[in-house]
Every structure is written in structure tokens, then in C-alpha cells.
C-alpha atoms as a PDB file:
ATOM      1  CA  MET A   1     -81.182 -71.046 -50.409  1.00  0.00           C
ATOM      2  CA  ILE A   2     -78.010 -71.147 -48.296  1.00  0.00           C
ATOM      3  CA  PHE A   3     -74.580 -71.379 -49.913  1.00  0.00           C
ATOM      4  CA  PHE A   4     -71.462 -72.517 -48.043  1.00  0.00           C
ATOM      5  CA  ILE A   5     -67.925 -71.445 -48.933  1.00  0.00           C
ATOM      6  CA  THR A   6     -65.168 -73.672 -47.567  1.00  0.00           C
ATOM      7  CA  ASN A   7     -62.585 -71.723 -45.585  1.00  0.00           C
ATOM      8  CA  THR A   8     -59.356 -73.652 -45.131  1.00  0.00           C
ATOM      9  CA  SER A   9     -57.577 -70.883 -43.220  1.00  0.00           C
ATOM     10  CA  TYR A  10     -57.170 -70.865 -39.460  1.00  0.00           C
ATOM     11  CA  SER A  11     -55.593 -68.769 -36.766  1.00  0.00           C
ATOM     12  CA  TYR A  12     -52.478 -69.604 -34.786  1.00  0.00           C
ATOM     13  CA  ASN A  13     -53.649 -67.557 -31.828  1.00  0.00           C
ATOM     14  CA  ILE A  14     -57.434 -67.862 -31.832  1.00  0.00           C
ATOM     15  CA  SER A  15     -58.979 -68.248 -28.384  1.00  0.00           C
ATOM     16  CA  SER A  16     -62.301 -70.033 -28.149  1.00  0.00           C
ATOM     17  CA  TYR A  17     -64.473 -71.954 -25.743  1.00  0.00           C
ATOM     18  CA  ILE A  18     -67.752 -73.819 -25.589  1.00  0.00           C
ATOM     19  CA  VAL A  19     -70.028 -75.311 -22.945  1.00  0.00           C
ATOM     20  CA  TYR A  20     -72.051 -78.005 -24.718  1.00  0.00           C
ATOM     21  CA  ASP A  21     -75.070 -79.699 -23.129  1.00  0.00           C
ATOM     22  CA  ILE A  22     -74.936 -83.394 -24.006  1.00  0.00           C
ATOM     23  CA  ASN A  23     -78.568 -84.357 -23.487  1.00  0.00           C
ATOM     24  CA  SER A  24     -80.115 -81.509 -25.483  1.00  0.00           C
ATOM     25  CA  LYS A  25     -77.164 -81.299 -27.916  1.00  0.00           C
ATOM     26  CA  SER A  26     -77.220 -77.535 -27.503  1.00  0.00           C
ATOM     27  CA  VAL A  27     -74.632 -74.822 -26.901  1.00  0.00           C
ATOM     28  CA  LEU A  28     -75.075 -73.242 -23.472  1.00  0.00           C
ATOM     29  CA  LYS A  29     -72.399 -70.626 -23.973  1.00  0.00           C
ATOM     30  CA  GLY A  30     -69.275 -70.052 -25.999  1.00  0.00           C
ATOM     31  CA  ASN A  31     -67.129 -67.751 -28.080  1.00  0.00           C
ATOM     32  CA  ASN A  32     -65.588 -68.326 -31.525  1.00  0.00           C
ATOM     33  CA  ILE A  33     -66.974 -71.862 -31.414  1.00  0.00           C
ATOM     34  CA  ASP A  34     -66.607 -72.393 -35.179  1.00  0.00           C
ATOM     35  CA  GLU A  35     -63.217 -70.694 -35.595  1.00  0.00           C
ATOM     36  CA  LYS A  36     -60.587 -73.108 -36.885  1.00  0.00           C
ATOM     37  CA  ALA A  37     -57.474 -73.444 -34.743  1.00  0.00           C
ATOM     38  CA  LEU A  38     -54.675 -75.799 -33.795  1.00  0.00           C
ATOM     39  CA  ILE A  39     -55.773 -78.259 -31.108  1.00  0.00           C
ATOM     40  CA  ALA A  40     -52.499 -79.883 -29.958  1.00  0.00           C
ATOM     41  CA  SER A  41     -52.818 -83.138 -27.990  1.00  0.00           C
ATOM     42  CA  THR A  42     -56.588 -83.058 -27.664  1.00  0.00           C
ATOM     43  CA  THR A  43     -56.214 -84.765 -31.057  1.00  0.00           C
ATOM     44  CA  LYS A  44     -55.537 -87.906 -29.028  1.00  0.00           C
ATOM     45  CA  ILE A  45     -59.229 -88.134 -28.105  1.00  0.00           C
ATOM     46  CA  LEU A  46     -59.922 -89.084 -31.710  1.00  0.00           C
ATOM     47  CA  THR A  47     -56.820 -91.300 -31.886  1.00  0.00           C
ATOM     48  CA  ALA A  48     -58.020 -93.282 -28.865  1.00  0.00           C
ATOM     49  CA  LEU A  49     -61.582 -93.598 -30.151  1.00  0.00           C
ATOM     50  CA  VAL A  50     -60.506 -94.801 -33.606  1.00  0.00           C
ATOM     51  CA  ALA A  51     -58.118 -97.326 -32.048  1.00  0.00           C
ATOM     52  CA  LEU A  52     -60.794 -98.660 -29.699  1.00  0.00           C
ATOM     53  CA  GLU A  53     -63.270 -99.075 -32.546  1.00  0.00           C
ATOM     54  CA  ASN A  54     -60.889-100.644 -35.063  1.00  0.00           C
ATOM     55  CA  MET A  55     -58.156-102.534 -33.174  1.00  0.00           C
ATOM     56  CA  ASP A  56     -57.919-105.380 -30.678  1.00  0.00           C
ATOM     57  CA  ILE A  57     -57.188-103.709 -27.330  1.00  0.00           C
ATOM     58  CA  MET A  58     -55.419-106.827 -26.044  1.00  0.00           C
ATOM     59  CA  ARG A  59     -53.104-107.037 -29.047  1.00  0.00           C
ATOM     60  CA  SER A  60     -49.394-106.832 -28.241  1.00  0.00           C
ATOM     61  CA  LEU A  61     -47.653-104.031 -30.134  1.00  0.00           C
ATOM     62  CA  GLU A  62     -43.963-104.067 -31.000  1.00  0.00           C
ATOM     63  CA  ILE A  63     -42.225-100.774 -30.247  1.00  0.00           C
ATOM     64  CA  LYS A  64     -39.935 -99.627 -33.040  1.00  0.00           C
ATOM     65  CA  LYS A  65     -37.210 -97.006 -33.201  1.00  0.00           C
ATOM     66  CA  GLU A  66     -39.406 -94.502 -35.040  1.00  0.00           C
ATOM     67  CA  ASP A  67     -41.840 -94.538 -32.117  1.00  0.00           C
ATOM     68  CA  THR A  68     -39.113 -93.710 -29.617  1.00  0.00           C
ATOM     69  CA  LEU A  69     -37.715 -90.875 -31.752  1.00  0.00           C
ATOM     70  CA  ILE A  70     -40.990 -88.934 -31.907  1.00  0.00           C
ATOM     71  CA  GLU A  71     -40.613 -85.455 -30.393  1.00  0.00           C
ATOM     72  CA  GLY A  72     -42.561 -83.729 -27.660  1.00  0.00           C
ATOM     73  CA  SER A  73     -44.412 -85.343 -24.757  1.00  0.00           C
ATOM     74  CA  LYS A  74     -43.506 -89.041 -24.338  1.00  0.00           C
ATOM     75  CA  VAL A  75     -43.781 -91.954 -21.913  1.00  0.00           C
ATOM     76  CA  TYR A  76     -40.384 -93.187 -23.183  1.00  0.00           C
ATOM     77  CA  LEU A  77     -41.290 -96.521 -24.703  1.00  0.00           C
ATOM     78  CA  LYS A  78     -38.284 -98.742 -25.404  1.00  0.00           C
ATOM     79  CA  GLU A  79     -37.384-100.022 -28.841  1.00  0.00           C
ATOM     80  CA  GLY A  80     -37.860-103.762 -29.331  1.00  0.00           C
ATOM     81  CA  GLU A  81     -40.210-104.255 -26.390  1.00  0.00           C
ATOM     82  CA  HIS A  82     -43.852-105.333 -26.595  1.00  0.00           C
ATOM     83  CA  ILE A  83     -46.821-103.760 -24.853  1.00  0.00           C
ATOM     84  CA  ALA A  84     -50.592-104.291 -25.007  1.00  0.00           C
ATOM     85  CA  LEU A  85     -52.645-101.732 -26.899  1.00  0.00           C
ATOM     86  CA  ILE A  86     -54.870-101.159 -23.864  1.00  0.00           C
ATOM     87  CA  ASP A  87     -51.813-100.066 -21.871  1.00  0.00           C
ATOM     88  CA  VAL A  88     -50.640 -97.829 -24.710  1.00  0.00           C
ATOM     89  CA  LEU A  89     -54.033 -96.116 -24.702  1.00  0.00           C
ATOM     90  CA  TYR A  90     -53.590 -95.202 -21.041  1.00  0.00           C
ATOM     91  CA  GLY A  91     -50.170 -93.757 -21.814  1.00  0.00           C
ATOM     92  CA  LEU A  92     -51.734 -91.859 -24.698  1.00  0.00           C
ATOM     93  CA  MET A  93     -54.570 -90.288 -22.700  1.00  0.00           C
ATOM     94  CA  LEU A  94     -53.094 -89.857 -19.216  1.00  0.00           C
ATOM     95  CA  ARG A  95     -49.581 -88.720 -20.143  1.00  0.00           C
ATOM     96  CA  SER A  96     -50.234 -87.557 -23.704  1.00  0.00           C
ATOM     97  CA  GLY A  97     -47.511 -89.819 -25.061  1.00  0.00           C
ATOM     98  CA  ASN A  98     -46.640 -88.910 -28.641  1.00  0.00           C
ATOM     99  CA  ASP A  99     -44.671 -92.136 -28.821  1.00  0.00           C
ATOM    100  CA  CYS A 100     -47.897 -93.957 -27.884  1.00  0.00           C
ATOM    101  CA  ALA A 101     -49.794 -92.119 -30.635  1.00  0.00           C
ATOM    102  CA  ASN A 102     -47.230 -93.027 -33.277  1.00  0.00           C
ATOM    103  CA  LEU A 103     -47.107 -96.659 -32.120  1.00  0.00           C
ATOM    104  CA  ILE A 104     -50.901 -96.965 -32.334  1.00  0.00           C
ATOM    105  CA  ALA A 105     -51.224 -95.448 -35.801  1.00  0.00           C
ATOM    106  CA  ARG A 106     -48.233 -97.349 -37.199  1.00  0.00           C
ATOM    107  CA  SER A 107     -49.556-100.660 -35.793  1.00  0.00           C
ATOM    108  CA  TYR A 108     -52.940-100.401 -37.491  1.00  0.00           C
ATOM    109  CA  ARG A 109     -53.392-103.236 -39.995  1.00  0.00           C
ATOM    110  CA  GLY A 110     -53.464-100.806 -42.916  1.00  0.00           C
ATOM    111  CA  GLY A 111     -50.526 -98.796 -41.638  1.00  0.00           C
ATOM    112  CA  TYR A 112     -50.031 -95.222 -40.438  1.00  0.00           C
ATOM    113  CA  ASN A 113     -51.621 -93.433 -43.384  1.00  0.00           C
ATOM    114  CA  ASP A 114     -54.721 -95.617 -43.310  1.00  0.00           C
ATOM    115  CA  PHE A 115     -55.129 -94.858 -39.608  1.00  0.00           C
ATOM    116  CA  ILE A 116     -55.036 -91.101 -40.322  1.00  0.00           C
ATOM    117  CA  HIS A 117     -57.635 -91.678 -43.044  1.00  0.00           C
ATOM    118  CA  LEU A 118     -59.817 -93.476 -40.502  1.00  0.00           C
ATOM    119  CA  MET A 119     -59.481 -90.532 -38.123  1.00  0.00           C
ATOM    120  CA  ASN A 120     -60.788 -88.128 -40.739  1.00  0.00           C
ATOM    121  CA  GLU A 121     -63.590 -90.474 -41.778  1.00  0.00           C
ATOM    122  CA  LYS A 122     -64.670 -90.862 -38.148  1.00  0.00           C
ATOM    123  CA  ALA A 123     -64.619 -87.085 -37.718  1.00  0.00           C
ATOM    124  CA  LYS A 124     -66.986 -86.759 -40.679  1.00  0.00           C
ATOM    125  CA  THR A 125     -69.448 -89.283 -39.266  1.00  0.00           C
ATOM    126  CA  ILE A 126     -69.500 -87.386 -35.970  1.00  0.00           C
ATOM    127  CA  GLY A 127     -70.319 -84.160 -37.792  1.00  0.00           C
ATOM    128  CA  MET A 128     -66.978 -82.407 -37.351  1.00  0.00           C
ATOM    129  CA  LYS A 129     -67.342 -80.212 -40.439  1.00  0.00           C
ATOM    130  CA  ASN A 130     -64.445 -77.857 -39.689  1.00  0.00           C
ATOM    131  CA  SER A 131     -61.744 -80.361 -38.739  1.00  0.00           C
ATOM    132  CA  ASN A 132     -58.814 -82.008 -40.475  1.00  0.00           C
ATOM    133  CA  PHE A 133     -56.266 -84.409 -38.997  1.00  0.00           C
ATOM    134  CA  MET A 134     -52.797 -85.096 -40.361  1.00  0.00           C
ATOM    135  CA  ASN A 135     -51.207 -86.965 -37.447  1.00  0.00           C
ATOM    136  CA  PRO A 136     -52.341 -88.950 -34.382  1.00  0.00           C
ATOM    137  CA  SER A 137     -50.557 -86.856 -31.740  1.00  0.00           C
ATOM    138  CA  GLY A 138     -51.398 -83.197 -32.322  1.00  0.00           C
ATOM    139  CA  LEU A 139     -47.831 -82.151 -33.067  1.00  0.00           C
ATOM    140  CA  ASP A 140     -47.824 -78.981 -35.165  1.00  0.00           C
ATOM    141  CA  THR A 141     -44.153 -78.756 -36.075  1.00  0.00           C
ATOM    142  CA  LEU A 142     -44.394 -80.841 -39.249  1.00  0.00           C
ATOM    143  CA  GLU A 143     -48.082 -81.516 -39.889  1.00  0.00           C
ATOM    144  CA  GLU A 144     -50.980 -79.688 -38.318  1.00  0.00           C
ATOM    145  CA  ASN A 145     -54.343 -80.799 -36.989  1.00  0.00           C
ATOM    146  CA  ILE A 146     -57.152 -78.258 -37.239  1.00  0.00           C
ATOM    147  CA  SER A 147     -60.502 -78.209 -35.464  1.00  0.00           C
ATOM    148  CA  THR A 148     -62.921 -75.952 -33.582  1.00  0.00           C
ATOM    149  CA  ALA A 149     -64.344 -75.784 -30.074  1.00  0.00           C
ATOM    150  CA  TYR A 150     -67.717 -76.967 -31.391  1.00  0.00           C
ATOM    151  CA  ASP A 151     -66.238 -79.899 -33.311  1.00  0.00           C
ATOM    152  CA  MET A 152     -64.165 -80.986 -30.319  1.00  0.00           C
ATOM    153  CA  ALA A 153     -67.280 -80.910 -28.142  1.00  0.00           C
ATOM    154  CA  LEU A 154     -69.017 -83.208 -30.632  1.00  0.00           C
ATOM    155  CA  LEU A 155     -65.978 -85.499 -30.570  1.00  0.00           C
ATOM    156  CA  MET A 156     -65.862 -85.774 -26.786  1.00  0.00           C
ATOM    157  CA  ALA A 157     -69.622 -86.309 -26.564  1.00  0.00           C
ATOM    158  CA  GLU A 158     -69.282 -89.187 -29.024  1.00  0.00           C
ATOM    159  CA  SER A 159     -66.177 -90.635 -27.385  1.00  0.00           C
ATOM    160  CA  ILE A 160     -67.622 -90.977 -23.887  1.00  0.00           C
ATOM    161  CA  LYS A 161     -70.288 -93.294 -25.302  1.00  0.00           C
ATOM    162  CA  ASN A 162     -67.474 -95.855 -25.624  1.00  0.00           C
ATOM    163  CA  GLU A 163     -67.130 -97.533 -22.229  1.00  0.00           C
ATOM    164  CA  TYR A 164     -63.420 -98.246 -22.659  1.00  0.00           C
ATOM    165  CA  PHE A 165     -62.698 -94.658 -23.652  1.00  0.00           C
ATOM    166  CA  LEU A 166     -64.633 -93.302 -20.687  1.00  0.00           C
ATOM    167  CA  GLU A 167     -62.799 -95.635 -18.323  1.00  0.00           C
ATOM    168  CA  ILE A 168     -59.401 -94.598 -19.697  1.00  0.00           C
ATOM    169  CA  ALA A 169     -60.098 -90.854 -19.906  1.00  0.00           C
ATOM    170  CA  SER A 170     -61.473 -90.766 -16.347  1.00  0.00           C
ATOM    171  CA  THR A 171     -58.604 -92.722 -14.742  1.00  0.00           C
ATOM    172  CA  HIS A 172     -56.429 -90.764 -12.305  1.00  0.00           C
ATOM    173  CA  SER A 173     -53.433 -93.127 -12.322  1.00  0.00           C
ATOM    174  CA  TYR A 174     -52.390 -96.342 -14.034  1.00  0.00           C
ATOM    175  CA  SER A 175     -49.523 -98.812 -14.021  1.00  0.00           C
ATOM    176  CA  ALA A 176     -48.367-100.872 -17.002  1.00  0.00           C
ATOM    177  CA  SER A 177     -45.603-103.280 -17.944  1.00  0.00           C
ATOM    178  CA  THR A 178     -44.068-104.486 -21.181  1.00  0.00           C
ATOM    179  CA  LYS A 179     -43.597-108.155 -21.996  1.00  0.00           C
ATOM    180  CA  GLU A 180     -39.877-107.661 -21.383  1.00  0.00           C
ATOM    181  CA  GLY A 181     -40.429-106.291 -17.867  1.00  0.00           C
ATOM    182  CA  SER A 182     -40.239-102.506 -18.179  1.00  0.00           C
ATOM    183  CA  HIS A 183     -42.663-100.873 -15.714  1.00  0.00           C
ATOM    184  CA  TYR A 184     -44.562 -97.609 -16.044  1.00  0.00           C
ATOM    185  CA  TYR A 185     -46.678 -95.596 -13.632  1.00  0.00           C
ATOM    186  CA  TRP A 186     -48.727 -92.782 -15.104  1.00  0.00           C
ATOM    187  CA  TYR A 187     -50.945 -90.133 -13.499  1.00  0.00           C
ATOM    188  CA  ASN A 188     -53.460 -88.011 -15.384  1.00  0.00           C
ATOM    189  CA  LYS A 189     -52.211 -84.588 -16.513  1.00  0.00           C
ATOM    190  CA  ASP A 190     -55.708 -83.121 -16.294  1.00  0.00           C
ATOM    191  CA  LYS A 191     -55.771 -81.486 -12.862  1.00  0.00           C
ATOM    192  CA  SER A 192     -59.488 -80.798 -13.215  1.00  0.00           C
ATOM    193  CA  LEU A 193     -60.187 -84.486 -12.603  1.00  0.00           C
ATOM    194  CA  THR A 194     -58.059 -84.749  -9.493  1.00  0.00           C
ATOM    195  CA  SER A 195     -59.128 -81.439  -7.924  1.00  0.00           C
ATOM    196  CA  ASP A 196     -62.890 -81.447  -8.544  1.00  0.00           C
ATOM    197  CA  GLU A 197     -65.033 -84.585  -8.562  1.00  0.00           C
ATOM    198  CA  ARG A 198     -67.555 -82.949 -10.914  1.00  0.00           C
ATOM    199  CA  PHE A 199     -65.065 -83.404 -13.740  1.00  0.00           C
ATOM    200  CA  ILE A 200     -65.339 -86.978 -15.000  1.00  0.00           C
ATOM    201  CA  ALA A 201     -62.969 -87.292 -17.968  1.00  0.00           C
ATOM    202  CA  GLY A 202     -60.664 -85.077 -19.947  1.00  0.00           C
ATOM    203  CA  LYS A 203     -57.667 -84.465 -22.167  1.00  0.00           C
ATOM    204  CA  THR A 204     -55.087 -81.699 -22.053  1.00  0.00           C
ATOM    205  CA  GLY A 205     -53.019 -80.269 -24.868  1.00  0.00           C
ATOM    206  CA  TYR A 206     -50.243 -77.753 -25.388  1.00  0.00           C
ATOM    207  CA  THR A 207     -47.815 -76.544 -28.029  1.00  0.00           C
ATOM    208  CA  LYS A 208     -46.174 -73.141 -28.383  1.00  0.00           C
ATOM    209  CA  LYS A 209     -48.138 -72.405 -31.551  1.00  0.00           C
ATOM    210  CA  CYS A 210     -51.461 -73.626 -30.180  1.00  0.00           C
ATOM    211  CA  GLY A 211     -51.310 -72.613 -26.534  1.00  0.00           C
ATOM    212  CA  ARG A 212     -53.154 -74.556 -23.849  1.00  0.00           C
ATOM    213  CA  THR A 213     -56.156 -76.647 -24.881  1.00  0.00           C
ATOM    214  CA  LEU A 214     -58.452 -78.615 -22.612  1.00  0.00           C
ATOM    215  CA  VAL A 215     -61.483 -80.834 -23.201  1.00  0.00           C
ATOM    216  CA  ASN A 216     -63.555 -82.015 -20.233  1.00  0.00           C
ATOM    217  CA  TYR A 217     -66.672 -84.086 -19.616  1.00  0.00           C
ATOM    218  CA  ALA A 218     -68.354 -82.944 -16.417  1.00  0.00           C
ATOM    219  CA  LYS A 219     -71.583 -83.136 -14.396  1.00  0.00           C
ATOM    220  CA  ALA A 220     -73.140 -80.392 -12.287  1.00  0.00           C
ATOM    221  CA  TYR A 221     -76.630 -79.180 -11.363  1.00  0.00           C
ATOM    222  CA  SER A 222     -78.184 -82.287 -12.963  1.00  0.00           C
ATOM    223  CA  ARG A 223     -76.551 -81.497 -16.304  1.00  0.00           C
ATOM    224  CA  GLU A 224     -73.927 -83.325 -18.329  1.00  0.00           C
ATOM    225  CA  VAL A 225     -71.689 -81.050 -20.343  1.00  0.00           C
ATOM    226  CA  ILE A 226     -68.584 -80.960 -22.482  1.00  0.00           C
ATOM    227  CA  ILE A 227     -66.332 -77.953 -21.891  1.00  0.00           C
ATOM    228  CA  VAL A 228     -63.675 -77.101 -24.473  1.00  0.00           C
ATOM    229  CA  THR A 229     -61.141 -74.289 -24.297  1.00  0.00           C
ATOM    230  CA  ILE A 230     -58.575 -73.535 -27.008  1.00  0.00           C
ATOM    231  CA  ASN A 231     -55.607 -71.236 -26.423  1.00  0.00           C
ATOM    232  CA  ASP A 232     -56.613 -70.451 -22.852  1.00  0.00           C
ATOM    233  CA  GLY A 233     -53.809 -69.861 -20.346  1.00  0.00           C
ATOM    234  CA  ASN A 234     -56.274 -70.062 -17.446  1.00  0.00           C
ATOM    235  CA  ASP A 235     -58.118 -73.148 -18.662  1.00  0.00           C
ATOM    236  CA  TRP A 236     -58.504 -75.108 -15.413  1.00  0.00           C
ATOM    237  CA  GLN A 237     -59.960 -72.169 -13.517  1.00  0.00           C
ATOM    238  CA  ASN A 238     -62.195 -71.190 -16.421  1.00  0.00           C
ATOM    239  CA  HIS A 239     -63.548 -74.720 -16.754  1.00  0.00           C
ATOM    240  CA  LYS A 240     -64.586 -74.587 -13.091  1.00  0.00           C
ATOM    241  CA  SER A 241     -66.166 -71.181 -13.612  1.00  0.00           C
ATOM    242  CA  TYR A 242     -68.142 -72.407 -16.624  1.00  0.00           C
ATOM    243  CA  LEU A 243     -69.297 -75.423 -14.643  1.00  0.00           C
ATOM    244  CA  ASN A 244     -70.403 -73.251 -11.724  1.00  0.00           C
ATOM    245  CA  SER A 245     -72.513 -71.147 -14.090  1.00  0.00           C
ATOM    246  CA  LEU A 246     -74.763 -74.106 -14.955  1.00  0.00           C
ATOM    247  CA  ASN A 247     -77.045 -73.192 -12.052  1.00  0.00           C
ATOM    248  CA  GLN A 248     -78.198 -70.206 -14.133  1.00  0.00           C
ATOM    249  CA  TYR A 249     -79.932 -72.447 -16.685  1.00  0.00           C
ATOM    250  CA  VAL A 250     -83.433 -73.906 -16.739  1.00  0.00           C
ATOM    251  CA  THR A 251     -84.928 -76.297 -19.276  1.00  0.00           C
ATOM    252  CA  TYR A 252     -87.539 -74.374 -21.238  1.00  0.00           C
ATOM    253  CA  THR A 253     -89.840 -75.167 -24.152  1.00  0.00           C
ATOM    254  CA  ILE A 254     -88.777 -72.797 -26.916  1.00  0.00           C
ATOM    255  CA  LEU A 255     -91.427 -74.053 -29.351  1.00  0.00           C
ATOM    256  CA  SER A 256     -94.132 -76.668 -28.823  1.00  0.00           C
ATOM    257  CA  LYS A 257     -95.042 -79.433 -31.238  1.00  0.00           C
ATOM    258  CA  GLY A 258     -97.242 -78.123 -34.026  1.00  0.00           C
ATOM    259  CA  ARG A 259     -97.407 -75.867 -37.082  1.00  0.00           C
ATOM    260  CA  TYR A 260     -96.091 -72.313 -37.314  1.00  0.00           C
ATOM    261  CA  LYS A 261     -96.293 -69.635 -39.980  1.00  0.00           C
ATOM    262  CA  ILE A 262     -93.042 -67.802 -40.581  1.00  0.00           C
ATOM    263  CA  GLU A 263     -93.553 -65.017 -43.116  1.00  0.00           C
ATOM    264  CA  ASP A 264     -94.890 -66.865 -46.203  1.00  0.00           C
ATOM    265  CA  TYR A 265     -93.933 -70.355 -45.011  1.00  0.00           C
ATOM    266  CA  ILE A 266     -95.611 -72.920 -42.803  1.00  0.00           C
ATOM    267  CA  ILE A 267     -93.393 -75.319 -40.891  1.00  0.00           C
ATOM    268  CA  GLU A 268     -94.269 -78.314 -38.774  1.00  0.00           C
ATOM    269  CA  ILE A 269     -92.364 -79.282 -35.621  1.00  0.00           C
ATOM    270  CA  ASN A 270     -92.784 -82.937 -34.688  1.00  0.00           C
ATOM    271  CA  ASN A 271     -91.656 -82.640 -31.070  1.00  0.00           C
ATOM    272  CA  ASP A 272     -91.434 -79.927 -28.440  1.00  0.00           C
ATOM    273  CA  ILE A 273     -88.142 -78.049 -28.649  1.00  0.00           C
ATOM    274  CA  LYS A 274     -86.799 -78.035 -25.090  1.00  0.00           C
ATOM    275  CA  ILE A 275     -83.343 -76.686 -24.304  1.00  0.00           C
ATOM    276  CA  PRO A 276     -81.496 -75.286 -21.301  1.00  0.00           C
ATOM    277  CA  ILE A 277     -81.630 -71.491 -21.399  1.00  0.00           C
ATOM    278  CA  LEU A 278     -80.546 -68.654 -19.131  1.00  0.00           C
ATOM    279  CA  LYS A 279     -83.299 -67.937 -16.612  1.00  0.00           C
ATOM    280  CA  ASP A 280     -83.282 -64.170 -17.002  1.00  0.00           C
ATOM    281  CA  ARG A 281     -82.943 -64.121 -20.799  1.00  0.00           C
ATOM    282  CA  LYS A 282     -85.624 -66.521 -22.024  1.00  0.00           C
ATOM    283  CA  ASP A 283     -87.305 -63.815 -24.096  1.00  0.00           C
ATOM    284  CA  GLU A 284     -84.073 -63.003 -25.951  1.00  0.00           C
ATOM    285  CA  TYR A 285     -83.694 -66.328 -27.762  1.00  0.00           C
ATOM    286  CA  TYR A 286     -84.677 -66.212 -31.425  1.00  0.00           C
ATOM    287  CA  TYR A 287     -84.710 -68.513 -34.442  1.00  0.00           C
ATOM    288  CA  ILE A 288     -83.745 -68.358 -38.110  1.00  0.00           C
ATOM    289  CA  LEU A 289     -85.356 -70.509 -40.796  1.00  0.00           C
ATOM    290  CA  TYR A 290     -83.136 -71.981 -43.533  1.00  0.00           C
ATOM    291  CA  LEU A 291     -84.698 -73.357 -46.708  1.00  0.00           C
ATOM    292  CA  GLY A 292     -82.985 -75.793 -49.045  1.00  0.00           C
ATOM    293  CA  LYS A 293     -83.072 -79.522 -49.739  1.00  0.00           C
ATOM    294  CA  LYS A 294     -83.920 -79.734 -46.047  1.00  0.00           C
ATOM    295  CA  THR A 295     -85.534 -77.124 -43.815  1.00  0.00           C
ATOM    296  CA  TYR A 296     -83.783 -76.127 -40.608  1.00  0.00           C
ATOM    297  CA  LEU A 297     -84.646 -73.955 -37.654  1.00  0.00           C
ATOM    298  CA  ASP A 298     -81.603 -72.522 -35.889  1.00  0.00           C
ATOM    299  CA  ILE A 299     -81.912 -71.152 -32.353  1.00  0.00           C
ATOM    300  CA  TYR A 300     -79.689 -68.206 -31.334  1.00  0.00           C
ATOM    301  CA  LEU A 301     -79.006 -65.999 -28.334  1.00  0.00           C
ATOM    302  CA  GLU A 302     -77.598 -62.701 -29.583  1.00  0.00           C
ATOM    303  CA  LYS A 303     -75.139 -63.913 -32.263  1.00  0.00           C
ATOM    304  CA  GLN A 304     -74.401 -67.197 -30.500  1.00  0.00           C
ATOM    305  CA  PHE A 305     -75.672 -70.344 -32.215  1.00  0.00           C
ATOM    306  CA  ILE A 306     -77.474 -72.652 -29.770  1.00  0.00           C
ATOM    307  CA  ILE A 307     -78.893 -75.619 -31.688  1.00  0.00           C
ATOM    308  CA  ARG A 308     -80.226 -76.658 -35.110  1.00  0.00           C
ATOM    309  CA  TYR A 309     -83.472 -78.566 -35.647  1.00  0.00           C
ATOM    310  CA  GLU A 310     -84.683 -80.139 -38.865  1.00  0.00           C
ATOM    311  CA  VAL A 311     -88.330 -79.226 -39.453  1.00  0.00           C
ATOM    312  CA  ASN A 312     -90.916 -79.993 -42.115  1.00  0.00           C
ATOM    313  CA  LEU A 313     -92.011 -77.468 -44.686  1.00  0.00           C
ATOM    314  CA  VAL A 314     -95.764 -77.729 -45.189  1.00  0.00           C
ATOM    315  CA  PHE A 315     -97.273 -77.111 -48.633  1.00  0.00           C
ATOM    316  CA  GLU A 316    -100.973 -76.263 -48.630  1.00  0.00           C
END
């Protein structure tokens, strides 16, 4: 029987990272992947996804004074003007506009607070068990958004399934206009995308309390991965380094379909468990069996969690 104790604390200065394999849903490498921390503007990944799933992207939004007064990174929207939601989403993701984030949340049919509620509900459905969102921008001066490297990897993996999100988050530059004639030209802050074609989509983040955060979707060596770094001052270079290391992995069958006896228990695995593993360490991977309402087999390398599988407990 496994008991869970909820820990609501987090660190201001935690550093963490993860390289998450999308197809196998496994952790290739990482550190502190479940440590709660501030995530700054990478929050906007969830803001964009919730907006795309619950709002009309062609709807014209009226910019109000409260949007223009928001602090931090902005695209400098003008009070009284009108702009399409789709354009606002580009300003949100490419330039990390906090004014865009506030405008989106405030314009939701249920209002700002209902939009924040939707963000947290969406996070739950994705499986983000260690995350909580209090605003749509990532600002940590008044209200703070908390997540983990692992949760943010799950979020990005889910978000890129949305074709509009993927198009927006992978765009290098974009121009937009308001109904009243104000023109904007935005380029993507994520230098990974513009300096290395292996990086497909991403979102940057920074506050003094949080440090630099970066979430990327990338492809290399026939693998699709999400790379997340939190509080990493050398994030762009490290993301490239993590991507380069993918050539060290091979897909290997950890356990084949069938029945296995583990101490006094017999479990049944319905499908072969195949995951990318380090070539020279394939004999070092191990598993832990958890018994409860459901039975799980967790795969580890040293103390690093790799992936969880639900298995069947056989009674004979």
C-alpha cells in the first residue's frame, strides 16, 4: 500500500531539467523532475492551449485599460482597440506578452477567474499532479504559478497535439494589426528555434525569483522529445547538449509480454515494455512494484524515475 502526502511547499531557487521522450512517454534523463518551482512565462503554454480549446480564435477582443497596465513583458496593446484572439495568441507565445495573457483570460465568457479555473482543470486532465496556476502570465510578484519539469513536459507534449498551438509556438516571426490600424511585428524570443532547425517549438520564461525557464519540442536521431529547464542560466546551450545526447539511446525491450513472479506476487504484462535506454547501461535499469487499488510497475535508472506502467495482478 502506497500513501501520498501532499507537499505544497516549493523552492525559489530550485534548478531542474528533463528530457522526455514523447512516443514512449518515458524520461530519458533529468534532475529534480518532480521538485516544485516557479515557472514564469512558460505558464503561457497552458494559457494558449486553454484559449484554443475554449474560445473562438477569430473573435475580436476589446483591449481595456487593465490589460495595458499589466507589468513585465508586454507587446504594448492599446486601450480601446480591437484585435483578433488568434493574433493575441501570437503575441502571447512569441513575445511573452503579459498584456496578451490578461486580455485572453479577462475575455473568456466566464471571466478571468473562470479562465484560471479552466487552466487548473486542464492541468489535472493532463496529469500535472504537482502544479497550480493562479494567473495566465506567470508573473510571481502578486500571485505565483507552481509546477515541475515533469509536469511541464506533460503539458508541452499535450499542447503540440493541437495544430494551432504547434503552428503558433513554432513560428519565427509574425505581423498583426488591430481593427483601428495599429501594426505589430513580433519575432520569437526562443533563440533555439532560430539557431537550430532541430528545435520545432518552444516557450521562454524569466523572472528574478524564478530565473530562466525554457520548454522546447525538438526532433533528433529519429526521436521526438520535450526538453524543460527551470532556473538554468545556460538553458539554450544545455538544450542543445541534451538534444545531442539522444544518439546514446537505443529502443530496448525491458520486459516482454507475459507473466512474471515478483517475490510472492504474479503480475501480467499485456504488451512488451519498450523504451529508449542508454546503450551502455541497459543492465542497470530496474523496476519497483506498487500494490494498491491498481498495480503499477515503475522503471528506474539509479534513483531517476523513467516510466510507470499499469499491470495486472494475477490471483491463482
